[in-house]
Amino acid sequence: MNNDINDILSALKKTPRILRNLVANVDAELLNEHRVPGKWCAHEHAVHFAKVETLVIGRIRKFLTEKTPEFKSYVPGTTTPPDELMKLDLKESLKKFTRDRKTLLGLIKQLRPKDWRKNATHQNFKSFTPYIAIRHLLMHDYVHLYRIEELLLVKNIPKK
């Protein structure tokens, strides 16, 4: 197991609070505004956390129970309906994310040393272990937190 696992877990534990505080600072009319055509609004970024958490919980459970887990990619709008995230309730999604993150952290604590070394099959990654899965989740959290803050703070977002 890598030495930074406790730092990663500590950061993952803090994400729900950071997300709630960040979303609370977004004006209601800005939450659903697609400031960049074809890109997500703050609402979509925020509710996406709950969707992904369910997926990651399932992945950690497979690491705990299967010898060689197999995973498929989740690509919102490609492997799911394009308007799926806009239909989700923001408050309920934030509550679900908070609950599910606690569940995830509890599952991660159940990983035994041999589980941490399992290398799953993932259609997009050449290597995918529990360590990579949770580190990737942390990077995912940060990307979406940044995107929400960007939509909140930037005056003139360039049209890409």
C-alpha atoms as a PDB file:
ATOM      1  CA  MET A   1       0.000   0.000   0.000  1.00  0.00           C
ATOM      2  CA  ASN A   2       1.277   3.461  -0.858  1.00  0.00           C
ATOM      3  CA  ASN A   3       2.343   5.884   1.871  1.00  0.00           C
ATOM      4  CA  ASP A   4      -0.068   8.622   0.807  1.00  0.00           C
ATOM      5  CA  ILE A   5      -3.241   6.571   1.270  1.00  0.00           C
ATOM      6  CA  ASN A   6      -4.081   8.282   4.570  1.00  0.00           C
ATOM      7  CA  ASP A   7      -3.725  11.707   2.932  1.00  0.00           C
ATOM      8  CA  ILE A   8      -6.016  10.629   0.095  1.00  0.00           C
ATOM      9  CA  LEU A   9      -8.610   9.250   2.518  1.00  0.00           C
ATOM     10  CA  SER A  10      -8.456  12.409   4.622  1.00  0.00           C
ATOM     11  CA  ALA A  11      -9.081  14.570   1.554  1.00  0.00           C
ATOM     12  CA  LEU A  12     -11.916  12.318   0.352  1.00  0.00           C
ATOM     13  CA  LYS A  13     -13.573  12.648   3.761  1.00  0.00           C
ATOM     14  CA  LYS A  14     -13.575  16.458   3.441  1.00  0.00           C
ATOM     15  CA  THR A  15     -15.014  16.692  -0.072  1.00  0.00           C
ATOM     16  CA  PRO A  16     -18.741  16.609   0.848  1.00  0.00           C
ATOM     17  CA  ARG A  17     -18.364  19.590   3.198  1.00  0.00           C
ATOM     18  CA  ILE A  18     -16.285  21.527   0.679  1.00  0.00           C
ATOM     19  CA  LEU A  19     -18.851  20.808  -2.056  1.00  0.00           C
ATOM     20  CA  ARG A  20     -21.817  21.866   0.115  1.00  0.00           C
ATOM     21  CA  ASN A  21     -20.088  25.116   1.068  1.00  0.00           C
ATOM     22  CA  LEU A  22     -19.104  25.824  -2.517  1.00  0.00           C
ATOM     23  CA  VAL A  23     -22.597  25.194  -3.893  1.00  0.00           C
ATOM     24  CA  ALA A  24     -24.095  27.376  -1.147  1.00  0.00           C
ATOM     25  CA  ASN A  25     -22.104  30.277  -2.602  1.00  0.00           C
ATOM     26  CA  VAL A  26     -23.493  29.863  -6.125  1.00  0.00           C
ATOM     27  CA  ASP A  27     -26.417  32.166  -6.904  1.00  0.00           C
ATOM     28  CA  ALA A  28     -29.567  30.150  -7.619  1.00  0.00           C
ATOM     29  CA  GLU A  29     -29.930  31.543 -11.138  1.00  0.00           C
ATOM     30  CA  LEU A  30     -26.311  30.687 -11.922  1.00  0.00           C
ATOM     31  CA  LEU A  31     -26.609  27.056 -10.771  1.00  0.00           C
ATOM     32  CA  ASN A  32     -28.418  25.941 -13.930  1.00  0.00           C
ATOM     33  CA  GLU A  33     -26.873  28.399 -16.364  1.00  0.00           C
ATOM     34  CA  HIS A  34     -24.801  26.809 -19.100  1.00  0.00           C
ATOM     35  CA  ARG A  35     -22.255  29.594 -19.314  1.00  0.00           C
ATOM     36  CA  VAL A  36     -20.206  27.696 -21.883  1.00  0.00           C
ATOM     37  CA  PRO A  37     -22.297  26.106 -24.632  1.00  0.00           C
ATOM     38  CA  GLY A  38     -22.026  22.343 -24.558  1.00  0.00           C
ATOM     39  CA  LYS A  39     -20.362  22.288 -21.117  1.00  0.00           C
ATOM     40  CA  TRP A  40     -21.896  21.484 -17.750  1.00  0.00           C
ATOM     41  CA  CYS A  41     -23.448  24.028 -15.444  1.00  0.00           C
ATOM     42  CA  ALA A  42     -22.683  24.090 -11.693  1.00  0.00           C
ATOM     43  CA  HIS A  43     -25.780  21.973 -10.953  1.00  0.00           C
ATOM     44  CA  GLU A  44     -24.566  19.176 -13.232  1.00  0.00           C
ATOM     45  CA  HIS A  45     -21.094  19.193 -11.691  1.00  0.00           C
ATOM     46  CA  ALA A  46     -22.561  19.074  -8.166  1.00  0.00           C
ATOM     47  CA  VAL A  47     -25.072  16.253  -8.703  1.00  0.00           C
ATOM     48  CA  HIS A  48     -22.475  14.255 -10.632  1.00  0.00           C
ATOM     49  CA  PHE A  49     -20.661  13.587  -7.335  1.00  0.00           C
ATOM     50  CA  ALA A  50     -23.560  11.428  -6.092  1.00  0.00           C
ATOM     51  CA  LYS A  51     -23.765   9.489  -9.372  1.00  0.00           C
ATOM     52  CA  VAL A  52     -20.053   8.712  -9.307  1.00  0.00           C
ATOM     53  CA  GLU A  53     -20.055   7.763  -5.627  1.00  0.00           C
ATOM     54  CA  THR A  54     -22.550   4.972  -6.304  1.00  0.00           C
ATOM     55  CA  LEU A  55     -20.293   3.689  -9.062  1.00  0.00           C
ATOM     56  CA  VAL A  56     -17.152   3.778  -6.903  1.00  0.00           C
ATOM     57  CA  ILE A  57     -18.890   2.031  -3.994  1.00  0.00           C
ATOM     58  CA  GLY A  58     -19.753  -0.776  -6.416  1.00  0.00           C
ATOM     59  CA  ARG A  59     -16.159  -0.933  -7.592  1.00  0.00           C
ATOM     60  CA  ILE A  60     -14.713  -1.178  -4.091  1.00  0.00           C
ATOM     61  CA  ARG A  61     -17.258  -3.898  -3.261  1.00  0.00           C
ATOM     62  CA  LYS A  62     -16.059  -5.825  -6.306  1.00  0.00           C
ATOM     63  CA  PHE A  63     -12.442  -5.431  -5.159  1.00  0.00           C
ATOM     64  CA  LEU A  64     -13.527  -6.877  -1.796  1.00  0.00           C
ATOM     65  CA  THR A  65     -15.412  -9.840  -3.248  1.00  0.00           C
ATOM     66  CA  GLU A  66     -13.969 -10.745  -6.649  1.00  0.00           C
ATOM     67  CA  LYS A  67     -10.598 -12.195  -7.560  1.00  0.00           C
ATOM     68  CA  THR A  68     -10.241 -10.234 -10.811  1.00  0.00           C
ATOM     69  CA  PRO A  69     -12.896  -7.493 -11.052  1.00  0.00           C
ATOM     70  CA  GLU A  70     -13.880  -6.046 -14.423  1.00  0.00           C
ATOM     71  CA  PHE A  71     -15.053  -2.479 -14.879  1.00  0.00           C
ATOM     72  CA  LYS A  72     -16.625  -0.488 -17.683  1.00  0.00           C
ATOM     73  CA  SER A  73     -16.274   3.238 -18.133  1.00  0.00           C
ATOM     74  CA  TYR A  74     -18.921   5.677 -17.017  1.00  0.00           C
ATOM     75  CA  VAL A  75     -19.124   8.623 -19.394  1.00  0.00           C
ATOM     76  CA  PRO A  76     -22.044  10.944 -18.581  1.00  0.00           C
ATOM     77  CA  GLY A  77     -24.016  11.915 -21.648  1.00  0.00           C
ATOM     78  CA  THR A  78     -22.460   9.053 -23.618  1.00  0.00           C
ATOM     79  CA  THR A  79     -23.232   5.961 -21.542  1.00  0.00           C
ATOM     80  CA  THR A  80     -26.206   7.777 -19.943  1.00  0.00           C
ATOM     81  CA  PRO A  81     -28.924  10.137 -21.255  1.00  0.00           C
ATOM     82  CA  PRO A  82     -27.539  13.642 -21.966  1.00  0.00           C
ATOM     83  CA  ASP A  83     -30.066  15.358 -19.666  1.00  0.00           C
ATOM     84  CA  GLU A  84     -29.760  12.846 -16.810  1.00  0.00           C
ATOM     85  CA  LEU A  85     -27.882  15.174 -14.440  1.00  0.00           C
ATOM     86  CA  MET A  86     -30.209  18.142 -14.965  1.00  0.00           C
ATOM     87  CA  LYS A  87     -33.140  15.987 -13.809  1.00  0.00           C
ATOM     88  CA  LEU A  88     -31.534  15.221 -10.440  1.00  0.00           C
ATOM     89  CA  ASP A  89     -32.497  17.222  -7.344  1.00  0.00           C
ATOM     90  CA  LEU A  90     -29.498  19.166  -6.051  1.00  0.00           C
ATOM     91  CA  LYS A  91     -30.295  19.028  -2.314  1.00  0.00           C
ATOM     92  CA  GLU A  92     -31.067  15.309  -2.405  1.00  0.00           C
ATOM     93  CA  SER A  93     -27.938  14.617  -4.456  1.00  0.00           C
ATOM     94  CA  LEU A  94     -25.749  16.472  -1.950  1.00  0.00           C
ATOM     95  CA  LYS A  95     -27.292  14.506   0.935  1.00  0.00           C
ATOM     96  CA  LYS A  96     -26.849  11.240  -0.961  1.00  0.00           C
ATOM     97  CA  PHE A  97     -23.241  12.083  -1.759  1.00  0.00           C
ATOM     98  CA  THR A  98     -22.499  12.800   1.910  1.00  0.00           C
ATOM     99  CA  ARG A  99     -24.060   9.502   3.029  1.00  0.00           C
ATOM    100  CA  ASP A 100     -22.420   7.517   0.252  1.00  0.00           C
ATOM    101  CA  ARG A 101     -18.977   9.007   0.869  1.00  0.00           C
ATOM    102  CA  LYS A 102     -19.177   7.754   4.473  1.00  0.00           C
ATOM    103  CA  THR A 103     -20.180   4.331   3.156  1.00  0.00           C
ATOM    104  CA  LEU A 104     -17.286   4.357   0.698  1.00  0.00           C
ATOM    105  CA  LEU A 105     -14.733   5.283   3.352  1.00  0.00           C
ATOM    106  CA  GLY A 106     -16.049   2.448   5.531  1.00  0.00           C
ATOM    107  CA  LEU A 107     -15.657  -0.022   2.666  1.00  0.00           C
ATOM    108  CA  ILE A 108     -12.137   1.183   1.934  1.00  0.00           C
ATOM    109  CA  LYS A 109     -11.188   0.431   5.551  1.00  0.00           C
ATOM    110  CA  GLN A 110     -12.224  -3.192   4.911  1.00  0.00           C
ATOM    111  CA  LEU A 111      -9.600  -3.649   2.187  1.00  0.00           C
ATOM    112  CA  ARG A 112      -6.961  -6.148   3.275  1.00  0.00           C
ATOM    113  CA  PRO A 113      -3.340  -5.880   2.101  1.00  0.00           C
ATOM    114  CA  LYS A 114      -3.971  -8.479  -0.625  1.00  0.00           C
ATOM    115  CA  ASP A 115      -7.032  -6.515  -1.845  1.00  0.00           C
ATOM    116  CA  TRP A 116      -4.917  -3.387  -2.377  1.00  0.00           C
ATOM    117  CA  ARG A 117      -2.754  -5.345  -4.826  1.00  0.00           C
ATOM    118  CA  LYS A 118      -5.650  -6.581  -6.979  1.00  0.00           C
ATOM    119  CA  ASN A 119      -5.411  -5.354 -10.530  1.00  0.00           C
ATOM    120  CA  ALA A 120      -8.808  -5.151 -12.174  1.00  0.00           C
ATOM    121  CA  THR A 121      -9.618  -5.034 -15.851  1.00  0.00           C
ATOM    122  CA  HIS A 122     -10.812  -1.573 -16.879  1.00  0.00           C
ATOM    123  CA  GLN A 123     -11.565  -0.693 -20.468  1.00  0.00           C
ATOM    124  CA  ASN A 124      -9.753   2.681 -20.262  1.00  0.00           C
ATOM    125  CA  PHE A 125      -6.877   2.044 -17.840  1.00  0.00           C
ATOM    126  CA  LYS A 126      -3.810  -0.143 -18.289  1.00  0.00           C
ATOM    127  CA  SER A 127      -3.718  -0.694 -14.517  1.00  0.00           C
ATOM    128  CA  PHE A 128      -6.592  -0.312 -12.063  1.00  0.00           C
ATOM    129  CA  THR A 129      -6.094  -1.220  -8.400  1.00  0.00           C
ATOM    130  CA  PRO A 130      -8.056   0.007  -5.373  1.00  0.00           C
ATOM    131  CA  TYR A 131      -5.294   2.548  -4.773  1.00  0.00           C
ATOM    132  CA  ILE A 132      -5.602   3.897  -8.317  1.00  0.00           C
ATOM    133  CA  ALA A 133      -9.407   3.906  -8.011  1.00  0.00           C
ATOM    134  CA  ILE A 134      -9.451   6.042  -4.872  1.00  0.00           C
ATOM    135  CA  ARG A 135      -6.630   8.330  -6.009  1.00  0.00           C
ATOM    136  CA  HIS A 136      -8.497   8.802  -9.287  1.00  0.00           C
ATOM    137  CA  LEU A 137     -11.665   9.599  -7.316  1.00  0.00           C
ATOM    138  CA  LEU A 138      -9.820  12.323  -5.401  1.00  0.00           C
ATOM    139  CA  MET A 139      -8.576  13.868  -8.653  1.00  0.00           C
ATOM    140  CA  HIS A 140     -12.126  13.616 -10.006  1.00  0.00           C
ATOM    141  CA  ASP A 141     -13.450  15.444  -6.924  1.00  0.00           C
ATOM    142  CA  TYR A 142     -10.950  18.246  -7.388  1.00  0.00           C
ATOM    143  CA  VAL A 143     -11.706  18.662 -11.097  1.00  0.00           C
ATOM    144  CA  HIS A 144     -15.413  19.130 -10.470  1.00  0.00           C
ATOM    145  CA  LEU A 145     -14.911  21.394  -7.453  1.00  0.00           C
ATOM    146  CA  TYR A 146     -12.654  23.554  -9.612  1.00  0.00           C
ATOM    147  CA  ARG A 147     -15.204  23.669 -12.451  1.00  0.00           C
ATOM    148  CA  ILE A 148     -17.949  24.841 -10.067  1.00  0.00           C
ATOM    149  CA  GLU A 149     -15.698  27.528  -8.639  1.00  0.00           C
ATOM    150  CA  GLU A 150     -14.689  28.584 -12.137  1.00  0.00           C
ATOM    151  CA  LEU A 151     -18.351  29.011 -13.110  1.00  0.00           C
ATOM    152  CA  LEU A 152     -18.942  30.948  -9.900  1.00  0.00           C
ATOM    153  CA  LEU A 153     -15.986  33.344 -10.117  1.00  0.00           C
ATOM    154  CA  VAL A 154     -14.942  33.956 -13.698  1.00  0.00           C
ATOM    155  CA  LYS A 155     -16.535  37.054 -15.228  1.00  0.00           C
ATOM    156  CA  ASN A 156     -16.141  36.222 -18.880  1.00  0.00           C
ATOM    157  CA  ILE A 157     -15.657  32.557 -19.607  1.00  0.00           C
ATOM    158  CA  PRO A 158     -14.161  32.171 -23.077  1.00  0.00           C
ATOM    159  CA  LYS A 159     -16.366  30.237 -25.471  1.00  0.00           C
ATOM    160  CA  LYS A 160     -14.409  27.171 -26.556  1.00  0.00           C
END
